[in-house]
């Protein structure tokens, strides 16, 4: 019998004033992660957003056990937000994505296979 090992994956997403895409990101990422990974999580890092991004992240974390949120005190910039998320990752493989769905979640398996 052939055993196919699925990796454990953390997806790190810095968020800055992009409240409207967060639900869509989770809706699109979750089925991809379910097929691709044995264990997985999504970490949103709120980088000092002035809109309701943090409230959306909290709501998503309450509804989805795979979602975690980190709220930075102010805007530290995308690179620092990414580093914060990377340091908080629980799993072996860390994937970073933008909060505007510029990186299609459906492309994640292709990226992992290369």
PDB file of N, CA and C in Angstrom:
ATOM      1  N   UNK A   1       0.842  -1.191   0.000  1.00  0.00           N
ATOM      2  CA  UNK A   1       0.000   0.000   0.000  1.00  0.00           C
ATOM      3  C   UNK A   1       0.879   1.243   0.000  1.00  0.00           C
ATOM      4  N   UNK A   2       0.567   2.177  -0.863  1.00  0.00           N
ATOM      5  CA  UNK A   2       1.333   3.417  -0.961  1.00  0.00           C
ATOM      6  C   UNK A   2       0.754   4.430   0.004  1.00  0.00           C
ATOM      7  N   UNK A   3       1.641   5.003   0.803  1.00  0.00           N
ATOM      8  CA  UNK A   3       1.216   6.021   1.765  1.00  0.00           C
ATOM      9  C   UNK A   3       1.602   7.396   1.241  1.00  0.00           C
ATOM     10  N   UNK A   4       0.657   8.264   1.145  1.00  0.00           N
ATOM     11  CA  UNK A   4       0.931   9.617   0.695  1.00  0.00           C
ATOM     12  C   UNK A   4       0.922  10.515   1.923  1.00  0.00           C
ATOM     13  N   UNK A   5       2.086  11.079   2.202  1.00  0.00           N
ATOM     14  CA  UNK A   5       2.208  11.947   3.367  1.00  0.00           C
ATOM     15  C   UNK A   5       1.736  13.356   3.015  1.00  0.00           C
ATOM     16  N   UNK A   6       0.802  13.857   3.766  1.00  0.00           N
ATOM     17  CA  UNK A   6       0.348  15.235   3.595  1.00  0.00           C
ATOM     18  C   UNK A   6       1.101  16.093   4.609  1.00  0.00           C
ATOM     19  N   UNK A   7       1.598  17.244   4.189  1.00  0.00           N
ATOM     20  CA  UNK A   7       2.340  18.107   5.115  1.00  0.00           C
ATOM     21  C   UNK A   7       1.403  18.838   6.075  1.00  0.00           C
ATOM     22  N   UNK A   8       1.997  19.407   7.105  1.00  0.00           N
ATOM     23  CA  UNK A   8       1.257  20.320   7.983  1.00  0.00           C
ATOM     24  C   UNK A   8       1.640  21.736   7.549  1.00  0.00           C
ATOM     25  N   UNK A   9       0.632  22.600   7.421  1.00  0.00           N
ATOM     26  CA  UNK A   9       0.829  23.904   6.770  1.00  0.00           C
ATOM     27  C   UNK A   9       0.262  25.040   7.614  1.00  0.00           C
ATOM     28  N   UNK A  10       1.040  26.100   7.725  1.00  0.00           N
ATOM     29  CA  UNK A  10       0.570  27.370   8.274  1.00  0.00           C
ATOM     30  C   UNK A  10       0.543  28.388   7.145  1.00  0.00           C
ATOM     31  N   UNK A  11      -0.580  29.064   6.982  1.00  0.00           N
ATOM     32  CA  UNK A  11      -0.679  30.157   6.013  1.00  0.00           C
ATOM     33  C   UNK A  11      -0.689  31.459   6.804  1.00  0.00           C
ATOM     34  N   UNK A  12       0.276  32.326   6.502  1.00  0.00           N
ATOM     35  CA  UNK A  12       0.421  33.604   7.195  1.00  0.00           C
ATOM     36  C   UNK A  12      -0.022  34.717   6.255  1.00  0.00           C
ATOM     37  N   UNK A  13      -0.957  35.547   6.743  1.00  0.00           N
ATOM     38  CA  UNK A  13      -1.517  36.615   5.913  1.00  0.00           C
ATOM     39  C   UNK A  13      -1.497  37.930   6.680  1.00  0.00           C
ATOM     40  N   UNK A  14      -0.624  38.872   6.287  1.00  0.00           N
ATOM     41  CA  UNK A  14      -0.682  40.201   6.894  1.00  0.00           C
ATOM     42  C   UNK A  14      -1.910  40.940   6.360  1.00  0.00           C
ATOM     43  N   UNK A  15      -2.553  41.689   7.234  1.00  0.00           N
ATOM     44  CA  UNK A  15      -3.791  42.385   6.859  1.00  0.00           C
ATOM     45  C   UNK A  15      -3.639  43.866   7.153  1.00  0.00           C
ATOM     46  N   UNK A  16      -3.954  44.679   6.151  1.00  0.00           N
ATOM     47  CA  UNK A  16      -3.983  46.125   6.359  1.00  0.00           C
ATOM     48  C   UNK A  16      -5.178  46.700   5.611  1.00  0.00           C
ATOM     49  N   UNK A  17      -6.177  47.145   6.371  1.00  0.00           N
ATOM     50  CA  UNK A  17      -7.373  47.790   5.818  1.00  0.00           C
ATOM     51  C   UNK A  17      -7.994  46.996   4.668  1.00  0.00           C
ATOM     52  N   UNK A  18      -8.217  45.724   4.898  1.00  0.00           N
ATOM     53  CA  UNK A  18      -8.800  44.896   3.851  1.00  0.00           C
ATOM     54  C   UNK A  18      -9.873  43.973   4.426  1.00  0.00           C
ATOM     55  N   UNK A  19     -10.756  44.541   5.198  1.00  0.00           N
ATOM     56  CA  UNK A  19     -11.788  43.771   5.892  1.00  0.00           C
ATOM     57  C   UNK A  19     -12.688  42.972   4.953  1.00  0.00           C
ATOM     58  N   UNK A  20     -12.890  43.467   3.755  1.00  0.00           N
ATOM     59  CA  UNK A  20     -13.869  42.852   2.857  1.00  0.00           C
ATOM     60  C   UNK A  20     -13.416  41.531   2.239  1.00  0.00           C
ATOM     61  N   UNK A  21     -12.123  41.242   2.233  1.00  0.00           N
ATOM     62  CA  UNK A  21     -11.654  40.014   1.585  1.00  0.00           C
ATOM     63  C   UNK A  21     -11.425  38.860   2.558  1.00  0.00           C
ATOM     64  N   UNK A  22     -11.423  39.120   3.843  1.00  0.00           N
ATOM     65  CA  UNK A  22     -11.008  38.099   4.811  1.00  0.00           C
ATOM     66  C   UNK A  22     -11.899  36.862   4.808  1.00  0.00           C
ATOM     67  N   UNK A  23     -13.205  37.031   4.763  1.00  0.00           N
ATOM     68  CA  UNK A  23     -14.113  35.881   4.717  1.00  0.00           C
ATOM     69  C   UNK A  23     -13.887  35.081   3.435  1.00  0.00           C
ATOM     70  N   UNK A  24     -13.669  35.782   2.317  1.00  0.00           N
ATOM     71  CA  UNK A  24     -13.439  35.113   1.038  1.00  0.00           C
ATOM     72  C   UNK A  24     -12.142  34.302   1.066  1.00  0.00           C
ATOM     73  N   UNK A  25     -11.123  34.853   1.706  1.00  0.00           N
ATOM     74  CA  UNK A  25      -9.855  34.137   1.802  1.00  0.00           C
ATOM     75  C   UNK A  25     -10.057  32.810   2.522  1.00  0.00           C
ATOM     76  N   UNK A  26     -10.727  32.841   3.666  1.00  0.00           N
ATOM     77  CA  UNK A  26     -10.949  31.610   4.433  1.00  0.00           C
ATOM     78  C   UNK A  26     -11.819  30.640   3.634  1.00  0.00           C
ATOM     79  N   UNK A  27     -12.870  31.147   3.009  1.00  0.00           N
ATOM     80  CA  UNK A  27     -13.764  30.283   2.221  1.00  0.00           C
ATOM     81  C   UNK A  27     -13.026  29.583   1.085  1.00  0.00           C
ATOM     82  N   UNK A  28     -12.057  30.247   0.495  1.00  0.00           N
ATOM     83  CA  UNK A  28     -11.308  29.649  -0.610  1.00  0.00           C
ATOM     84  C   UNK A  28     -10.130  28.809  -0.135  1.00  0.00           C
ATOM     85  N   UNK A  29      -9.510  29.208   0.982  1.00  0.00           N
ATOM     86  CA  UNK A  29      -8.344  28.479   1.490  1.00  0.00           C
ATOM     87  C   UNK A  29      -8.701  27.168   2.182  1.00  0.00           C
ATOM     88  N   UNK A  30      -9.777  27.183   2.927  1.00  0.00           N
ATOM     89  CA  UNK A  30     -10.124  26.018   3.747  1.00  0.00           C
ATOM     90  C   UNK A  30     -10.245  24.720   2.934  1.00  0.00           C
ATOM     91  N   UNK A  31     -10.994  24.690   1.826  1.00  0.00           N
ATOM     92  CA  UNK A  31     -11.080  23.426   1.075  1.00  0.00           C
ATOM     93  C   UNK A  31      -9.740  23.006   0.459  1.00  0.00           C
ATOM     94  N   UNK A  32      -8.935  23.968   0.074  1.00  0.00           N
ATOM     95  CA  UNK A  32      -7.618  23.650  -0.481  1.00  0.00           C
ATOM     96  C   UNK A  32      -6.744  23.018   0.600  1.00  0.00           C
ATOM     97  N   UNK A  33      -6.759  23.591   1.788  1.00  0.00           N
ATOM     98  CA  UNK A  33      -5.964  23.053   2.887  1.00  0.00           C
ATOM     99  C   UNK A  33      -6.474  21.683   3.326  1.00  0.00           C
ATOM    100  N   UNK A  34      -7.775  21.480   3.313  1.00  0.00           N
ATOM    101  CA  UNK A  34      -8.347  20.183   3.693  1.00  0.00           C
ATOM    102  C   UNK A  34      -7.849  19.069   2.776  1.00  0.00           C
ATOM    103  N   UNK A  35      -7.694  19.374   1.486  1.00  0.00           N
ATOM    104  CA  UNK A  35      -7.217  18.386   0.522  1.00  0.00           C
ATOM    105  C   UNK A  35      -5.703  18.207   0.571  1.00  0.00           C
ATOM    106  N   UNK A  36      -4.990  19.269   0.910  1.00  0.00           N
ATOM    107  CA  UNK A  36      -3.541  19.299   0.755  1.00  0.00           C
ATOM    108  C   UNK A  36      -2.765  18.953   2.017  1.00  0.00           C
ATOM    109  N   UNK A  37      -3.328  19.250   3.184  1.00  0.00           N
ATOM    110  CA  UNK A  37      -2.561  19.164   4.426  1.00  0.00           C
ATOM    111  C   UNK A  37      -3.194  18.213   5.434  1.00  0.00           C
ATOM    112  N   UNK A  38      -2.336  17.630   6.270  1.00  0.00           N
ATOM    113  CA  UNK A  38      -2.840  16.795   7.368  1.00  0.00           C
ATOM    114  C   UNK A  38      -3.315  17.674   8.530  1.00  0.00           C
ATOM    115  N   UNK A  39      -2.564  18.730   8.809  1.00  0.00           N
ATOM    116  CA  UNK A  39      -2.934  19.737   9.813  1.00  0.00           C
ATOM    117  C   UNK A  39      -2.660  21.096   9.185  1.00  0.00           C
ATOM    118  N   UNK A  40      -3.448  22.083   9.580  1.00  0.00           N
ATOM    119  CA  UNK A  40      -3.270  23.394   8.964  1.00  0.00           C
ATOM    120  C   UNK A  40      -3.864  24.479   9.848  1.00  0.00           C
ATOM    121  N   UNK A  41      -3.390  25.686   9.599  1.00  0.00           N
ATOM    122  CA  UNK A  41      -3.904  26.870  10.290  1.00  0.00           C
ATOM    123  C   UNK A  41      -3.736  28.069   9.375  1.00  0.00           C
ATOM    124  N   UNK A  42      -4.538  29.082   9.638  1.00  0.00           N
ATOM    125  CA  UNK A  42      -4.429  30.365   8.942  1.00  0.00           C
ATOM    126  C   UNK A  42      -4.200  31.413  10.025  1.00  0.00           C
ATOM    127  N   UNK A  43      -3.119  32.170   9.891  1.00  0.00           N
ATOM    128  CA  UNK A  43      -2.828  33.243  10.846  1.00  0.00           C
ATOM    129  C   UNK A  43      -2.960  34.575  10.121  1.00  0.00           C
ATOM    130  N   UNK A  44      -3.901  35.396  10.578  1.00  0.00           N
ATOM    131  CA  UNK A  44      -4.042  36.760  10.086  1.00  0.00           C
ATOM    132  C   UNK A  44      -3.330  37.687  11.062  1.00  0.00           C
ATOM    133  N   UNK A  45      -2.466  38.557  10.553  1.00  0.00           N
ATOM    134  CA  UNK A  45      -1.796  39.546  11.389  1.00  0.00           C
ATOM    135  C   UNK A  45      -2.340  40.908  10.995  1.00  0.00           C
ATOM    136  N   UNK A  46      -3.093  41.515  11.902  1.00  0.00           N
ATOM    137  CA  UNK A  46      -3.639  42.841  11.644  1.00  0.00           C
ATOM    138  C   UNK A  46      -2.538  43.865  11.884  1.00  0.00           C
ATOM    139  N   UNK A  47      -2.126  44.531  10.817  1.00  0.00           N
ATOM    140  CA  UNK A  47      -0.993  45.456  10.858  1.00  0.00           C
ATOM    141  C   UNK A  47      -1.466  46.903  11.036  1.00  0.00           C
ATOM    142  N   UNK A  48      -2.199  47.145  12.117  1.00  0.00           N
ATOM    143  CA  UNK A  48      -2.635  48.510  12.430  1.00  0.00           C
ATOM    144  C   UNK A  48      -3.729  49.032  11.523  1.00  0.00           C
ATOM    145  N   UNK A  49      -4.596  48.165  11.046  1.00  0.00           N
ATOM    146  CA  UNK A  49      -5.691  48.592  10.170  1.00  0.00           C
ATOM    147  C   UNK A  49      -6.576  49.616  10.862  1.00  0.00           C
ATOM    148  N   UNK A  50      -7.106  50.533  10.060  1.00  0.00           N
ATOM    149  CA  UNK A  50      -8.001  51.558  10.576  1.00  0.00           C
ATOM    150  C   UNK A  50      -9.465  51.223  10.281  1.00  0.00           C
ATOM    151  N   UNK A  51      -9.702  50.158   9.543  1.00  0.00           N
ATOM    152  CA  UNK A  51     -11.073  49.723   9.275  1.00  0.00           C
ATOM    153  C   UNK A  51     -11.458  48.636  10.289  1.00  0.00           C
ATOM    154  N   UNK A  52     -12.375  47.781   9.943  1.00  0.00           N
ATOM    155  CA  UNK A  52     -12.849  46.750  10.868  1.00  0.00           C
ATOM    156  C   UNK A  52     -12.162  45.393  10.648  1.00  0.00           C
ATOM    157  N   UNK A  53     -10.962  45.423  10.088  1.00  0.00           N
ATOM    158  CA  UNK A  53     -10.242  44.171   9.819  1.00  0.00           C
ATOM    159  C   UNK A  53     -10.066  43.330  11.075  1.00  0.00           C
ATOM    160  N   UNK A  54      -9.672  43.960  12.175  1.00  0.00           N
ATOM    161  CA  UNK A  54      -9.442  43.170  13.389  1.00  0.00           C
ATOM    162  C   UNK A  54     -10.729  42.499  13.872  1.00  0.00           C
ATOM    163  N   UNK A  55     -11.840  43.204  13.827  1.00  0.00           N
ATOM    164  CA  UNK A  55     -13.112  42.609  14.245  1.00  0.00           C
ATOM    165  C   UNK A  55     -13.491  41.427  13.349  1.00  0.00           C
ATOM    166  N   UNK A  56     -13.212  41.544  12.065  1.00  0.00           N
ATOM    167  CA  UNK A  56     -13.485  40.429  11.139  1.00  0.00           C
ATOM    168  C   UNK A  56     -12.594  39.236  11.467  1.00  0.00           C
ATOM    169  N   UNK A  57     -11.333  39.494  11.796  1.00  0.00           N
ATOM    170  CA  UNK A  57     -10.406  38.414  12.153  1.00  0.00           C
ATOM    171  C   UNK A  57     -10.892  37.708  13.418  1.00  0.00           C
ATOM    172  N   UNK A  58     -11.306  38.481  14.405  1.00  0.00           N
ATOM    173  CA  UNK A  58     -11.829  37.895  15.649  1.00  0.00           C
ATOM    174  C   UNK A  58     -13.052  37.031  15.344  1.00  0.00           C
ATOM    175  N   UNK A  59     -13.939  37.539  14.522  1.00  0.00           N
ATOM    176  CA  UNK A  59     -15.144  36.790  14.157  1.00  0.00           C
ATOM    177  C   UNK A  59     -14.781  35.485  13.440  1.00  0.00           C
ATOM    178  N   UNK A  60     -13.836  35.555  12.516  1.00  0.00           N
ATOM    179  CA  UNK A  60     -13.404  34.352  11.806  1.00  0.00           C
ATOM    180  C   UNK A  60     -12.773  33.334  12.756  1.00  0.00           C
ATOM    181  N   UNK A  61     -11.970  33.818  13.702  1.00  0.00           N
ATOM    182  CA  UNK A  61     -11.323  32.920  14.665  1.00  0.00           C
ATOM    183  C   UNK A  61     -12.339  32.256  15.581  1.00  0.00           C
ATOM    184  N   UNK A  62     -13.417  32.950  15.891  1.00  0.00           N
ATOM    185  CA  UNK A  62     -14.471  32.358  16.724  1.00  0.00           C
ATOM    186  C   UNK A  62     -15.247  31.284  15.963  1.00  0.00           C
ATOM    187  N   UNK A  63     -15.368  31.461  14.665  1.00  0.00           N
ATOM    188  CA  UNK A  63     -16.159  30.548  13.843  1.00  0.00           C
ATOM    189  C   UNK A  63     -15.346  29.376  13.293  1.00  0.00           C
ATOM    190  N   UNK A  64     -14.065  29.615  13.011  1.00  0.00           N
ATOM    191  CA  UNK A  64     -13.193  28.595  12.415  1.00  0.00           C
ATOM    192  C   UNK A  64     -12.024  28.309  13.360  1.00  0.00           C
ATOM    193  N   UNK A  65     -11.923  27.093  13.835  1.00  0.00           N
ATOM    194  CA  UNK A  65     -10.843  26.741  14.763  1.00  0.00           C
ATOM    195  C   UNK A  65      -9.467  26.805  14.109  1.00  0.00           C
ATOM    196  N   UNK A  66      -9.409  26.807  12.795  1.00  0.00           N
ATOM    197  CA  UNK A  66      -8.118  26.867  12.106  1.00  0.00           C
ATOM    198  C   UNK A  66      -7.583  28.287  11.966  1.00  0.00           C
ATOM    199  N   UNK A  67      -8.387  29.283  12.318  1.00  0.00           N
ATOM    200  CA  UNK A  67      -7.984  30.688  12.168  1.00  0.00           C
ATOM    201  C   UNK A  67      -7.485  31.235  13.492  1.00  0.00           C
ATOM    202  N   UNK A  68      -6.326  31.878  13.422  1.00  0.00           N
ATOM    203  CA  UNK A  68      -5.798  32.625  14.573  1.00  0.00           C
ATOM    204  C   UNK A  68      -5.520  34.050  14.120  1.00  0.00           C
ATOM    205  N   UNK A  69      -5.596  34.969  15.058  1.00  0.00           N
ATOM    206  CA  UNK A  69      -5.333  36.364  14.742  1.00  0.00           C
ATOM    207  C   UNK A  69      -4.336  36.976  15.693  1.00  0.00           C
ATOM    208  N   UNK A  70      -3.524  37.858  15.159  1.00  0.00           N
ATOM    209  CA  UNK A  70      -2.572  38.636  15.955  1.00  0.00           C
ATOM    210  C   UNK A  70      -2.846  40.101  15.615  1.00  0.00           C
ATOM    211  N   UNK A  71      -3.019  40.926  16.637  1.00  0.00           N
ATOM    212  CA  UNK A  71      -3.326  42.338  16.433  1.00  0.00           C
ATOM    213  C   UNK A  71      -2.129  43.177  16.855  1.00  0.00           C
ATOM    214  N   UNK A  72      -1.434  43.766  15.885  1.00  0.00           N
ATOM    215  CA  UNK A  72      -0.283  44.615  16.199  1.00  0.00           C
ATOM    216  C   UNK A  72      -0.769  45.979  16.691  1.00  0.00           C
ATOM    217  N   UNK A  73      -0.001  46.574  17.580  1.00  0.00           N
ATOM    218  CA  UNK A  73      -0.378  47.850  18.205  1.00  0.00           C
ATOM    219  C   UNK A  73      -0.507  48.992  17.204  1.00  0.00           C
ATOM    220  N   UNK A  74       0.285  48.931  16.158  1.00  0.00           N
ATOM    221  CA  UNK A  74       0.264  49.979  15.134  1.00  0.00           C
ATOM    222  C   UNK A  74       0.722  49.354  13.829  1.00  0.00           C
ATOM    223  N   UNK A  75       0.819  50.152  12.788  1.00  0.00           N
ATOM    224  CA  UNK A  75       1.277  49.661  11.497  1.00  0.00           C
ATOM    225  C   UNK A  75       2.803  49.543  11.509  1.00  0.00           C
ATOM    226  N   UNK A  76       3.279  48.291  11.447  1.00  0.00           N
ATOM    227  CA  UNK A  76       4.719  48.036  11.430  1.00  0.00           C
ATOM    228  C   UNK A  76       5.219  47.710  10.026  1.00  0.00           C
ATOM    229  N   UNK A  77       4.333  47.531   9.093  1.00  0.00           N
ATOM    230  CA  UNK A  77       4.716  47.196   7.726  1.00  0.00           C
ATOM    231  C   UNK A  77       4.564  45.711   7.447  1.00  0.00           C
ATOM    232  N   UNK A  78       4.411  45.408   6.171  1.00  0.00           N
ATOM    233  CA  UNK A  78       4.125  44.043   5.746  1.00  0.00           C
ATOM    234  C   UNK A  78       5.209  43.056   6.170  1.00  0.00           C
ATOM    235  N   UNK A  79       6.475  43.417   6.023  1.00  0.00           N
ATOM    236  CA  UNK A  79       7.548  42.483   6.356  1.00  0.00           C
ATOM    237  C   UNK A  79       7.568  42.133   7.842  1.00  0.00           C
ATOM    238  N   UNK A  80       7.371  43.110   8.681  1.00  0.00           N
ATOM    239  CA  UNK A  80       7.335  42.841  10.121  1.00  0.00           C
ATOM    240  C   UNK A  80       6.096  42.035  10.508  1.00  0.00           C
ATOM    241  N   UNK A  81       4.977  42.314   9.861  1.00  0.00           N
ATOM    242  CA  UNK A  81       3.771  41.533  10.128  1.00  0.00           C
ATOM    243  C   UNK A  81       3.980  40.075   9.708  1.00  0.00           C
ATOM    244  N   UNK A  82       4.605  39.867   8.552  1.00  0.00           N
ATOM    245  CA  UNK A  82       4.909  38.505   8.116  1.00  0.00           C
ATOM    246  C   UNK A  82       5.819  37.794   9.112  1.00  0.00           C
ATOM    247  N   UNK A  83       6.851  38.480   9.551  1.00  0.00           N
ATOM    248  CA  UNK A  83       7.781  37.884  10.508  1.00  0.00           C
ATOM    249  C   UNK A  83       7.069  37.493  11.798  1.00  0.00           C
ATOM    250  N   UNK A  84       6.166  38.324  12.262  1.00  0.00           N
ATOM    251  CA  UNK A  84       5.372  38.018  13.452  1.00  0.00           C
ATOM    252  C   UNK A  84       4.575  36.737  13.241  1.00  0.00           C
ATOM    253  N   UNK A  85       3.928  36.608  12.101  1.00  0.00           N
ATOM    254  CA  UNK A  85       3.150  35.414  11.799  1.00  0.00           C
ATOM    255  C   UNK A  85       4.021  34.178  11.651  1.00  0.00           C
ATOM    256  N   UNK A  86       5.159  34.327  11.013  1.00  0.00           N
ATOM    257  CA  UNK A  86       6.086  33.203  10.835  1.00  0.00           C
ATOM    258  C   UNK A  86       6.572  32.702  12.183  1.00  0.00           C
ATOM    259  N   UNK A  87       6.872  33.613  13.078  1.00  0.00           N
ATOM    260  CA  UNK A  87       7.331  33.225  14.417  1.00  0.00           C
ATOM    261  C   UNK A  87       6.231  32.533  15.221  1.00  0.00           C
ATOM    262  N   UNK A  88       4.989  32.780  14.876  1.00  0.00           N
ATOM    263  CA  UNK A  88       3.860  32.177  15.596  1.00  0.00           C
ATOM    264  C   UNK A  88       3.368  30.884  14.963  1.00  0.00           C
ATOM    265  N   UNK A  89       3.928  30.520  13.823  1.00  0.00           N
ATOM    266  CA  UNK A  89       3.467  29.345  13.085  1.00  0.00           C
ATOM    267  C   UNK A  89       3.678  28.071  13.890  1.00  0.00           C
ATOM    268  N   UNK A  90       2.716  27.174  13.798  1.00  0.00           N
ATOM    269  CA  UNK A  90       2.778  25.897  14.507  1.00  0.00           C
ATOM    270  C   UNK A  90       3.262  24.751  13.626  1.00  0.00           C
ATOM    271  N   UNK A  91       3.204  24.914  12.318  1.00  0.00           N
ATOM    272  CA  UNK A  91       3.411  23.773  11.445  1.00  0.00           C
ATOM    273  C   UNK A  91       4.665  23.881  10.585  1.00  0.00           C
ATOM    274  N   UNK A  92       5.021  22.744   9.984  1.00  0.00           N
ATOM    275  CA  UNK A  92       6.288  22.588   9.273  1.00  0.00           C
ATOM    276  C   UNK A  92       6.460  23.524   8.080  1.00  0.00           C
ATOM    277  N   UNK A  93       5.445  23.603   7.261  1.00  0.00           N
ATOM    278  CA  UNK A  93       5.528  24.428   6.061  1.00  0.00           C
ATOM    279  C   UNK A  93       4.766  25.723   6.296  1.00  0.00           C
ATOM    280  N   UNK A  94       5.420  26.836   5.962  1.00  0.00           N
ATOM    281  CA  UNK A  94       4.807  28.154   6.128  1.00  0.00           C
ATOM    282  C   UNK A  94       4.646  28.780   4.747  1.00  0.00           C
ATOM    283  N   UNK A  95       3.434  29.168   4.447  1.00  0.00           N
ATOM    284  CA  UNK A  95       3.113  29.816   3.185  1.00  0.00           C
ATOM    285  C   UNK A  95       2.624  31.215   3.511  1.00  0.00           C
ATOM    286  N   UNK A  96       3.115  32.210   2.775  1.00  0.00           N
ATOM    287  CA  UNK A  96       2.631  33.578   2.983  1.00  0.00           C
ATOM    288  C   UNK A  96       1.755  33.971   1.798  1.00  0.00           C
ATOM    289  N   UNK A  97       0.733  34.753   2.122  1.00  0.00           N
ATOM    290  CA  UNK A  97      -0.196  35.240   1.099  1.00  0.00           C
ATOM    291  C   UNK A  97      -0.546  36.693   1.400  1.00  0.00           C
ATOM    292  N   UNK A  98      -0.967  37.403   0.367  1.00  0.00           N
ATOM    293  CA  UNK A  98      -1.463  38.760   0.546  1.00  0.00           C
ATOM    294  C   UNK A  98      -2.929  38.712   0.946  1.00  0.00           C
ATOM    295  N   UNK A  99      -3.412  39.818   1.513  1.00  0.00           N
ATOM    296  CA  UNK A  99      -4.800  39.875   1.990  1.00  0.00           C
ATOM    297  C   UNK A  99      -5.797  40.288   0.916  1.00  0.00           C
ATOM    298  N   UNK A 100      -5.327  40.486  -0.305  1.00  0.00           N
ATOM    299  CA  UNK A 100      -6.222  40.964  -1.369  1.00  0.00           C
ATOM    300  C   UNK A 100      -6.552  39.887  -2.403  1.00  0.00           C
ATOM    301  N   UNK A 101      -6.236  38.636  -2.087  1.00  0.00           N
ATOM    302  CA  UNK A 101      -6.466  37.498  -2.979  1.00  0.00           C
ATOM    303  C   UNK A 101      -5.698  37.614  -4.291  1.00  0.00           C
ATOM    304  N   UNK A 102      -4.618  38.384  -4.290  1.00  0.00           N
ATOM    305  CA  UNK A 102      -3.752  38.462  -5.461  1.00  0.00           C
ATOM    306  C   UNK A 102      -3.119  37.094  -5.723  1.00  0.00           C
ATOM    307  N   UNK A 103      -2.848  36.349  -4.642  1.00  0.00           N
ATOM    308  CA  UNK A 103      -2.343  34.981  -4.757  1.00  0.00           C
ATOM    309  C   UNK A 103      -3.545  34.049  -4.628  1.00  0.00           C
ATOM    310  N   UNK A 104      -3.958  33.392  -5.702  1.00  0.00           N
ATOM    311  CA  UNK A 104      -5.129  32.511  -5.602  1.00  0.00           C
ATOM    312  C   UNK A 104      -4.843  31.321  -4.675  1.00  0.00           C
ATOM    313  N   UNK A 105      -5.664  31.104  -3.674  1.00  0.00           N
ATOM    314  CA  UNK A 105      -5.464  29.961  -2.775  1.00  0.00           C
ATOM    315  C   UNK A 105      -5.433  28.625  -3.516  1.00  0.00           C
ATOM    316  N   UNK A 106      -6.124  28.546  -4.616  1.00  0.00           N
ATOM    317  CA  UNK A 106      -6.190  27.307  -5.383  1.00  0.00           C
ATOM    318  C   UNK A 106      -4.844  26.921  -6.003  1.00  0.00           C
ATOM    319  N   UNK A 107      -3.900  27.852  -6.030  1.00  0.00           N
ATOM    320  CA  UNK A 107      -2.568  27.584  -6.567  1.00  0.00           C
ATOM    321  C   UNK A 107      -1.629  26.973  -5.520  1.00  0.00           C
ATOM    322  N   UNK A 108      -2.067  26.889  -4.299  1.00  0.00           N
ATOM    323  CA  UNK A 108      -1.225  26.372  -3.212  1.00  0.00           C
ATOM    324  C   UNK A 108      -0.671  24.965  -3.499  1.00  0.00           C
ATOM    325  N   UNK A 109      -1.467  24.016  -3.964  1.00  0.00           N
ATOM    326  CA  UNK A 109      -0.901  22.686  -4.251  1.00  0.00           C
ATOM    327  C   UNK A 109       0.224  22.721  -5.291  1.00  0.00           C
ATOM    328  N   UNK A 110       0.091  23.557  -6.312  1.00  0.00           N
ATOM    329  CA  UNK A 110       1.152  23.686  -7.337  1.00  0.00           C
ATOM    330  C   UNK A 110       2.438  24.205  -6.697  1.00  0.00           C
ATOM    331  N   UNK A 111       2.299  25.178  -5.831  1.00  0.00           N
ATOM    332  CA  UNK A 111       3.471  25.756  -5.177  1.00  0.00           C
ATOM    333  C   UNK A 111       4.160  24.711  -4.299  1.00  0.00           C
ATOM    334  N   UNK A 112       3.396  23.905  -3.613  1.00  0.00           N
ATOM    335  CA  UNK A 112       3.960  22.895  -2.720  1.00  0.00           C
ATOM    336  C   UNK A 112       4.627  21.763  -3.495  1.00  0.00           C
ATOM    337  N   UNK A 113       4.173  21.515  -4.705  1.00  0.00           N
ATOM    338  CA  UNK A 113       4.748  20.412  -5.479  1.00  0.00           C
ATOM    339  C   UNK A 113       6.057  20.787  -6.156  1.00  0.00           C
ATOM    340  N   UNK A 114       6.390  22.083  -6.220  1.00  0.00           N
ATOM    341  CA  UNK A 114       7.642  22.471  -6.883  1.00  0.00           C
ATOM    342  C   UNK A 114       8.824  22.426  -5.969  1.00  0.00           C
TER     343      UNK A 114
END
